[in-house]
N, C-alpha and C. Protein backbone atom coordinates (compact mmCIF):
# COMPACT_ATOMS: atom_id res chain seq x y z
N MET A 1 -24.14 -200.31 18.19
CA MET A 1 -23.20 -199.25 17.88
C MET A 1 -23.16 -198.21 19.00
N LYS A 2 -24.34 -197.82 19.52
CA LYS A 2 -24.38 -196.85 20.60
C LYS A 2 -23.72 -197.40 21.86
N LEU A 3 -23.94 -198.67 22.14
CA LEU A 3 -23.32 -199.30 23.31
C LEU A 3 -21.81 -199.28 23.20
N MET A 4 -21.32 -199.59 22.01
CA MET A 4 -19.87 -199.60 21.80
C MET A 4 -19.29 -198.19 21.96
N SER A 5 -19.98 -197.19 21.47
CA SER A 5 -19.54 -195.80 21.61
C SER A 5 -19.54 -195.40 23.09
N LEU A 6 -20.54 -195.82 23.82
CA LEU A 6 -20.64 -195.50 25.24
C LEU A 6 -19.50 -196.16 26.01
N VAL A 7 -19.21 -197.41 25.72
CA VAL A 7 -18.12 -198.12 26.38
C VAL A 7 -16.79 -197.45 26.06
N LEU A 8 -16.57 -197.11 24.82
CA LEU A 8 -15.34 -196.43 24.41
C LEU A 8 -15.21 -195.08 25.12
N ALA A 9 -16.29 -194.34 25.20
CA ALA A 9 -16.27 -193.04 25.90
C ALA A 9 -15.93 -193.22 27.37
N LEU A 10 -16.47 -194.24 28.02
CA LEU A 10 -16.16 -194.50 29.43
C LEU A 10 -14.70 -194.88 29.63
N ILE A 11 -14.16 -195.67 28.72
CA ILE A 11 -12.75 -196.07 28.80
C ILE A 11 -11.85 -194.84 28.67
N ILE A 12 -12.14 -193.99 27.71
CA ILE A 12 -11.34 -192.79 27.50
C ILE A 12 -11.46 -191.85 28.70
N LEU A 13 -12.66 -191.67 29.20
CA LEU A 13 -12.88 -190.80 30.36
C LEU A 13 -12.13 -191.32 31.58
N THR A 14 -12.15 -192.62 31.79
CA THR A 14 -11.43 -193.22 32.92
C THR A 14 -9.92 -193.03 32.76
N ALA A 15 -9.41 -193.24 31.58
CA ALA A 15 -7.98 -193.08 31.33
C ALA A 15 -7.54 -191.64 31.55
N VAL A 16 -8.32 -190.69 31.09
CA VAL A 16 -7.98 -189.28 31.24
C VAL A 16 -8.06 -188.88 32.71
N SER A 17 -9.07 -189.32 33.43
CA SER A 17 -9.22 -188.91 34.82
C SER A 17 -8.15 -189.54 35.71
N THR A 18 -7.68 -190.74 35.42
CA THR A 18 -6.65 -191.35 36.25
C THR A 18 -5.26 -190.89 35.85
N ALA A 19 -5.07 -190.41 34.63
CA ALA A 19 -3.74 -189.96 34.20
C ALA A 19 -3.27 -188.77 35.03
N GLY A 20 -4.13 -187.86 35.35
CA GLY A 20 -3.75 -186.70 36.14
C GLY A 20 -3.59 -187.02 37.61
N ALA A 21 -4.14 -188.13 38.06
CA ALA A 21 -4.11 -188.48 39.48
C ALA A 21 -2.86 -189.24 39.88
N VAL A 22 -1.99 -189.57 38.93
CA VAL A 22 -0.80 -190.35 39.24
C VAL A 22 0.03 -189.67 40.32
N ASP A 23 0.16 -188.36 40.27
CA ASP A 23 1.01 -187.64 41.22
C ASP A 23 0.34 -187.39 42.57
N GLU A 24 -0.91 -187.69 42.73
CA GLU A 24 -1.62 -187.28 43.93
C GLU A 24 -1.84 -188.37 44.98
N HIS A 25 -1.65 -189.63 44.64
CA HIS A 25 -2.02 -190.70 45.57
C HIS A 25 -0.80 -191.52 45.99
N VAL A 26 -0.54 -191.54 47.30
CA VAL A 26 0.55 -192.35 47.84
C VAL A 26 0.01 -193.76 48.05
N GLU A 27 0.77 -194.75 47.61
CA GLU A 27 0.38 -196.14 47.79
C GLU A 27 1.35 -196.82 48.75
N PHE A 28 0.99 -198.02 49.21
CA PHE A 28 1.82 -198.75 50.16
C PHE A 28 2.05 -200.18 49.67
N THR A 29 3.27 -200.68 49.91
CA THR A 29 3.58 -202.06 49.57
C THR A 29 3.03 -202.96 50.67
N LEU A 30 3.16 -204.27 50.49
CA LEU A 30 2.73 -205.21 51.52
C LEU A 30 3.53 -205.04 52.81
N LEU A 31 4.74 -204.51 52.70
CA LEU A 31 5.58 -204.27 53.88
C LEU A 31 5.42 -202.86 54.44
N ASN A 32 4.35 -202.18 54.00
CA ASN A 32 4.00 -200.84 54.46
C ASN A 32 5.04 -199.78 54.15
N LYS A 33 5.70 -199.91 53.02
CA LYS A 33 6.56 -198.85 52.50
C LYS A 33 5.69 -197.97 51.61
N ALA A 34 5.78 -196.66 51.79
CA ALA A 34 5.01 -195.74 50.96
C ALA A 34 5.78 -195.48 49.67
N TYR A 35 5.05 -195.37 48.56
CA TYR A 35 5.71 -195.07 47.30
C TYR A 35 4.79 -194.29 46.38
N GLN A 36 5.44 -193.58 45.44
CA GLN A 36 4.69 -192.80 44.47
C GLN A 36 5.60 -192.43 43.31
N ASP A 37 5.06 -192.38 42.12
CA ASP A 37 5.78 -191.88 40.95
C ASP A 37 5.51 -190.39 40.86
N LEU A 38 6.60 -189.60 40.82
CA LEU A 38 6.48 -188.16 40.70
C LEU A 38 6.90 -187.74 39.30
N ARG A 39 6.21 -186.79 38.73
CA ARG A 39 6.51 -186.34 37.37
C ARG A 39 7.55 -185.22 37.39
N PHE A 40 8.70 -185.57 37.93
CA PHE A 40 9.82 -184.64 38.01
C PHE A 40 11.10 -185.44 37.79
N PRO A 41 12.14 -184.80 37.22
CA PRO A 41 13.42 -185.49 37.04
C PRO A 41 14.06 -185.84 38.39
N MET A 42 14.90 -186.84 38.38
CA MET A 42 15.52 -187.34 39.60
C MET A 42 16.27 -186.27 40.39
N LYS A 43 17.03 -185.42 39.72
CA LYS A 43 17.80 -184.38 40.44
C LYS A 43 16.88 -183.45 41.22
N ARG A 44 15.76 -183.07 40.63
CA ARG A 44 14.81 -182.18 41.33
C ARG A 44 14.17 -182.89 42.51
N VAL A 45 13.81 -184.15 42.34
CA VAL A 45 13.20 -184.90 43.45
C VAL A 45 14.21 -185.05 44.58
N ASP A 46 15.46 -185.33 44.24
CA ASP A 46 16.51 -185.45 45.25
C ASP A 46 16.64 -184.17 46.06
N ARG A 47 16.73 -183.03 45.37
CA ARG A 47 16.82 -181.74 46.07
C ARG A 47 15.57 -181.48 46.91
N GLY A 48 14.41 -181.85 46.36
CA GLY A 48 13.16 -181.65 47.11
C GLY A 48 13.11 -182.47 48.38
N VAL A 49 13.53 -183.73 48.30
CA VAL A 49 13.54 -184.60 49.49
C VAL A 49 14.47 -184.02 50.55
N LEU A 50 15.66 -183.62 50.14
CA LEU A 50 16.62 -183.06 51.11
C LEU A 50 16.06 -181.80 51.76
N ASN A 51 15.38 -180.97 50.99
CA ASN A 51 14.77 -179.77 51.54
C ASN A 51 13.68 -180.12 52.55
N VAL A 52 12.82 -181.06 52.19
CA VAL A 52 11.71 -181.45 53.07
C VAL A 52 12.25 -182.08 54.37
N LEU A 53 13.28 -182.91 54.27
CA LEU A 53 13.85 -183.50 55.48
C LEU A 53 14.37 -182.40 56.41
N GLY A 54 14.98 -181.37 55.83
CA GLY A 54 15.44 -180.24 56.64
C GLY A 54 14.29 -179.51 57.30
N GLN A 55 13.21 -179.27 56.56
CA GLN A 55 12.04 -178.60 57.11
C GLN A 55 11.42 -179.40 58.25
N LEU A 56 11.42 -180.73 58.11
CA LEU A 56 10.82 -181.59 59.13
C LEU A 56 11.79 -181.91 60.27
N LYS A 57 12.99 -181.36 60.21
CA LYS A 57 14.02 -181.58 61.23
C LYS A 57 14.38 -183.07 61.36
N ILE A 58 14.46 -183.73 60.20
CA ILE A 58 14.87 -185.13 60.15
C ILE A 58 16.33 -185.16 59.74
N GLU A 59 17.16 -185.79 60.54
CA GLU A 59 18.61 -185.81 60.31
C GLU A 59 18.99 -186.84 59.26
N ILE A 60 19.80 -186.42 58.30
CA ILE A 60 20.31 -187.33 57.28
C ILE A 60 21.53 -188.05 57.85
N VAL A 61 21.49 -189.38 57.85
CA VAL A 61 22.58 -190.19 58.38
C VAL A 61 23.61 -190.47 57.29
N ASP A 62 23.16 -190.94 56.15
CA ASP A 62 24.05 -191.16 55.01
C ASP A 62 23.26 -191.21 53.71
N GLN A 63 24.00 -191.12 52.61
CA GLN A 63 23.41 -191.14 51.27
C GLN A 63 24.29 -192.02 50.40
N MET A 64 23.66 -192.78 49.51
CA MET A 64 24.44 -193.62 48.62
C MET A 64 23.81 -193.67 47.24
N GLU A 65 24.69 -193.67 46.24
CA GLU A 65 24.24 -193.79 44.86
C GLU A 65 23.94 -195.25 44.56
N LEU A 66 22.86 -195.48 43.84
CA LEU A 66 22.48 -196.82 43.40
C LEU A 66 22.60 -196.87 41.88
N VAL A 67 22.50 -198.05 41.31
CA VAL A 67 22.60 -198.20 39.86
C VAL A 67 21.56 -197.34 39.15
N ASP A 68 20.32 -197.39 39.61
CA ASP A 68 19.25 -196.65 38.94
C ASP A 68 18.68 -195.53 39.80
N GLY A 69 19.43 -195.10 40.82
CA GLY A 69 18.89 -194.05 41.67
C GLY A 69 19.78 -193.70 42.84
N ARG A 70 19.13 -193.57 43.99
CA ARG A 70 19.82 -193.08 45.17
C ARG A 70 19.08 -193.51 46.42
N ARG A 71 19.81 -193.72 47.51
CA ARG A 71 19.21 -194.07 48.80
C ARG A 71 19.66 -193.05 49.83
N ILE A 72 18.71 -192.58 50.63
CA ILE A 72 18.98 -191.63 51.71
C ILE A 72 18.52 -192.30 53.01
N ASN A 73 19.42 -192.43 53.97
CA ASN A 73 19.06 -192.93 55.29
C ASN A 73 19.01 -191.74 56.24
N ALA A 74 17.93 -191.66 56.98
CA ALA A 74 17.73 -190.55 57.90
C ALA A 74 17.13 -191.08 59.20
N GLU A 75 17.05 -190.19 60.21
CA GLU A 75 16.47 -190.63 61.47
C GLU A 75 15.93 -189.46 62.29
N THR A 76 15.02 -189.82 63.16
CA THR A 76 14.56 -188.93 64.22
C THR A 76 14.89 -189.64 65.52
N GLU A 77 14.43 -189.11 66.63
CA GLU A 77 14.69 -189.77 67.91
C GLU A 77 14.09 -191.18 67.95
N ILE A 78 12.95 -191.37 67.30
CA ILE A 78 12.27 -192.67 67.41
C ILE A 78 12.16 -193.45 66.11
N LEU A 79 12.54 -192.82 64.97
CA LEU A 79 12.35 -193.48 63.67
C LEU A 79 13.65 -193.63 62.88
N ASN A 80 13.76 -194.74 62.19
CA ASN A 80 14.73 -194.92 61.12
C ASN A 80 13.98 -194.73 59.81
N ILE A 81 14.50 -193.93 58.91
CA ILE A 81 13.81 -193.62 57.67
C ILE A 81 14.74 -193.92 56.50
N GLU A 82 14.26 -194.73 55.57
CA GLU A 82 15.01 -195.04 54.36
C GLU A 82 14.20 -194.54 53.18
N ILE A 83 14.84 -193.69 52.37
CA ILE A 83 14.19 -193.12 51.19
C ILE A 83 14.96 -193.59 49.97
N GLU A 84 14.25 -194.17 49.04
CA GLU A 84 14.87 -194.62 47.80
C GLU A 84 14.27 -193.88 46.63
N LEU A 85 15.13 -193.32 45.80
CA LEU A 85 14.70 -192.64 44.58
C LEU A 85 15.15 -193.48 43.40
N SER A 86 14.24 -193.79 42.51
CA SER A 86 14.55 -194.60 41.33
C SER A 86 14.12 -193.86 40.08
N ARG A 87 15.00 -193.79 39.11
CA ARG A 87 14.70 -193.14 37.84
C ARG A 87 13.82 -194.08 37.00
N VAL A 88 12.60 -193.66 36.73
CA VAL A 88 11.69 -194.43 35.88
C VAL A 88 11.91 -194.01 34.43
N SER A 89 12.03 -192.69 34.22
CA SER A 89 12.35 -192.12 32.91
C SER A 89 13.04 -190.79 33.18
N SER A 90 13.35 -190.06 32.14
CA SER A 90 14.03 -188.78 32.35
C SER A 90 13.15 -187.77 33.08
N LYS A 91 11.84 -187.97 33.06
CA LYS A 91 10.93 -187.02 33.69
C LYS A 91 10.10 -187.62 34.83
N ILE A 92 10.28 -188.89 35.14
CA ILE A 92 9.51 -189.52 36.21
C ILE A 92 10.45 -190.22 37.17
N THR A 93 10.25 -189.95 38.47
CA THR A 93 11.07 -190.55 39.52
C THR A 93 10.15 -191.23 40.52
N LYS A 94 10.49 -192.45 40.88
CA LYS A 94 9.73 -193.17 41.90
C LYS A 94 10.41 -192.91 43.24
N ILE A 95 9.61 -192.51 44.23
CA ILE A 95 10.10 -192.31 45.58
C ILE A 95 9.46 -193.36 46.48
N THR A 96 10.29 -194.04 47.26
CA THR A 96 9.81 -195.05 48.21
C THR A 96 10.34 -194.67 49.58
N VAL A 97 9.45 -194.62 50.57
CA VAL A 97 9.85 -194.23 51.92
C VAL A 97 9.43 -195.32 52.90
N ASP A 98 10.41 -195.77 53.68
CA ASP A 98 10.19 -196.77 54.73
C ASP A 98 10.55 -196.12 56.05
N ALA A 99 9.56 -195.84 56.87
CA ALA A 99 9.77 -195.24 58.19
C ALA A 99 9.39 -196.28 59.24
N SER A 100 10.38 -196.73 60.01
CA SER A 100 10.10 -197.74 61.02
C SER A 100 10.64 -197.28 62.37
N GLU A 101 10.00 -197.74 63.42
CA GLU A 101 10.42 -197.38 64.76
C GLU A 101 11.75 -198.04 65.09
N LYS A 102 12.61 -197.31 65.78
CA LYS A 102 13.91 -197.87 66.16
C LYS A 102 13.76 -199.01 67.15
N LYS A 103 12.83 -198.85 68.07
CA LYS A 103 12.65 -199.84 69.13
C LYS A 103 12.02 -201.13 68.61
N TYR A 104 11.03 -200.99 67.74
CA TYR A 104 10.32 -202.13 67.17
C TYR A 104 10.42 -202.04 65.65
N LEU A 105 11.40 -202.70 65.08
CA LEU A 105 11.70 -202.56 63.66
C LEU A 105 10.52 -202.87 62.74
N TYR A 106 9.62 -203.71 63.18
CA TYR A 106 8.49 -204.09 62.32
C TYR A 106 7.31 -203.15 62.45
N GLU A 107 7.40 -202.18 63.36
CA GLU A 107 6.34 -201.18 63.48
C GLU A 107 6.63 -200.04 62.51
N LYS A 108 5.74 -199.83 61.58
CA LYS A 108 5.94 -198.81 60.55
C LYS A 108 5.16 -197.55 60.89
N ASP A 109 5.72 -196.42 60.54
CA ASP A 109 5.04 -195.14 60.69
C ASP A 109 4.61 -194.68 59.30
N LYS A 110 3.45 -195.15 58.87
CA LYS A 110 2.95 -194.86 57.54
C LYS A 110 2.66 -193.37 57.37
N ASP A 111 2.24 -192.70 58.45
CA ASP A 111 1.93 -191.27 58.36
C ASP A 111 3.16 -190.44 58.02
N THR A 112 4.28 -190.74 58.68
CA THR A 112 5.51 -190.00 58.40
C THR A 112 5.99 -190.27 56.98
N ALA A 113 5.94 -191.52 56.55
CA ALA A 113 6.36 -191.87 55.19
C ALA A 113 5.51 -191.12 54.17
N GLU A 114 4.22 -191.12 54.38
CA GLU A 114 3.30 -190.43 53.47
C GLU A 114 3.54 -188.92 53.50
N LYS A 115 3.81 -188.38 54.68
CA LYS A 115 4.05 -186.94 54.82
C LYS A 115 5.30 -186.51 54.04
N ILE A 116 6.35 -187.30 54.10
CA ILE A 116 7.58 -186.98 53.36
C ILE A 116 7.30 -186.93 51.86
N ILE A 117 6.56 -187.90 51.37
CA ILE A 117 6.24 -187.92 49.93
C ILE A 117 5.35 -186.75 49.55
N ASN A 118 4.29 -186.53 50.32
CA ASN A 118 3.36 -185.45 49.99
C ASN A 118 4.03 -184.08 50.04
N GLN A 119 4.85 -183.85 51.06
CA GLN A 119 5.52 -182.55 51.16
C GLN A 119 6.57 -182.38 50.07
N THR A 120 7.23 -183.47 49.68
CA THR A 120 8.18 -183.39 48.57
C THR A 120 7.44 -183.02 47.29
N ARG A 121 6.32 -183.67 47.02
CA ARG A 121 5.54 -183.37 45.82
C ARG A 121 5.08 -181.90 45.83
N GLU A 122 4.60 -181.41 46.96
CA GLU A 122 4.14 -180.04 47.04
C GLU A 122 5.29 -179.04 46.89
N PHE A 123 6.45 -179.36 47.46
CA PHE A 123 7.64 -178.52 47.30
C PHE A 123 8.01 -178.42 45.82
N LEU A 124 8.01 -179.57 45.13
CA LEU A 124 8.38 -179.59 43.72
C LEU A 124 7.40 -178.80 42.86
N LYS A 125 6.13 -178.82 43.22
CA LYS A 125 5.14 -178.07 42.46
C LYS A 125 5.36 -176.56 42.62
N ARG A 126 5.83 -176.15 43.79
CA ARG A 126 6.03 -174.72 44.06
C ARG A 126 7.36 -174.20 43.51
N HIS A 127 8.34 -175.07 43.36
CA HIS A 127 9.69 -174.62 42.97
C HIS A 127 10.10 -175.19 41.64
């Protein structure tokens, strides 16, 4: 009985500790695209991304509406950046950022992709 209580307590503790961490960790796909679920509605995340791109002096090339979200194409002198926002629920939006070098399309800039996501999350927390 004590062992079962201990196991149950560990499961609950693990679930509670990881639930709050959802917004803090950027993950990467096999193709080195950065992604994260943010606990903010899609409209707020969209405004946050646009604000962060402006702060980072990243030029927006075009924007397009998708069935379940939105795609923003942007660039710097050396990078092509594709940002996809997908509505997971009314309060959760998935952001995926693919930053690749213009000269070598298969070379990914994981740091820039992660920076866009992290700064967007921090902007949303402040505003």
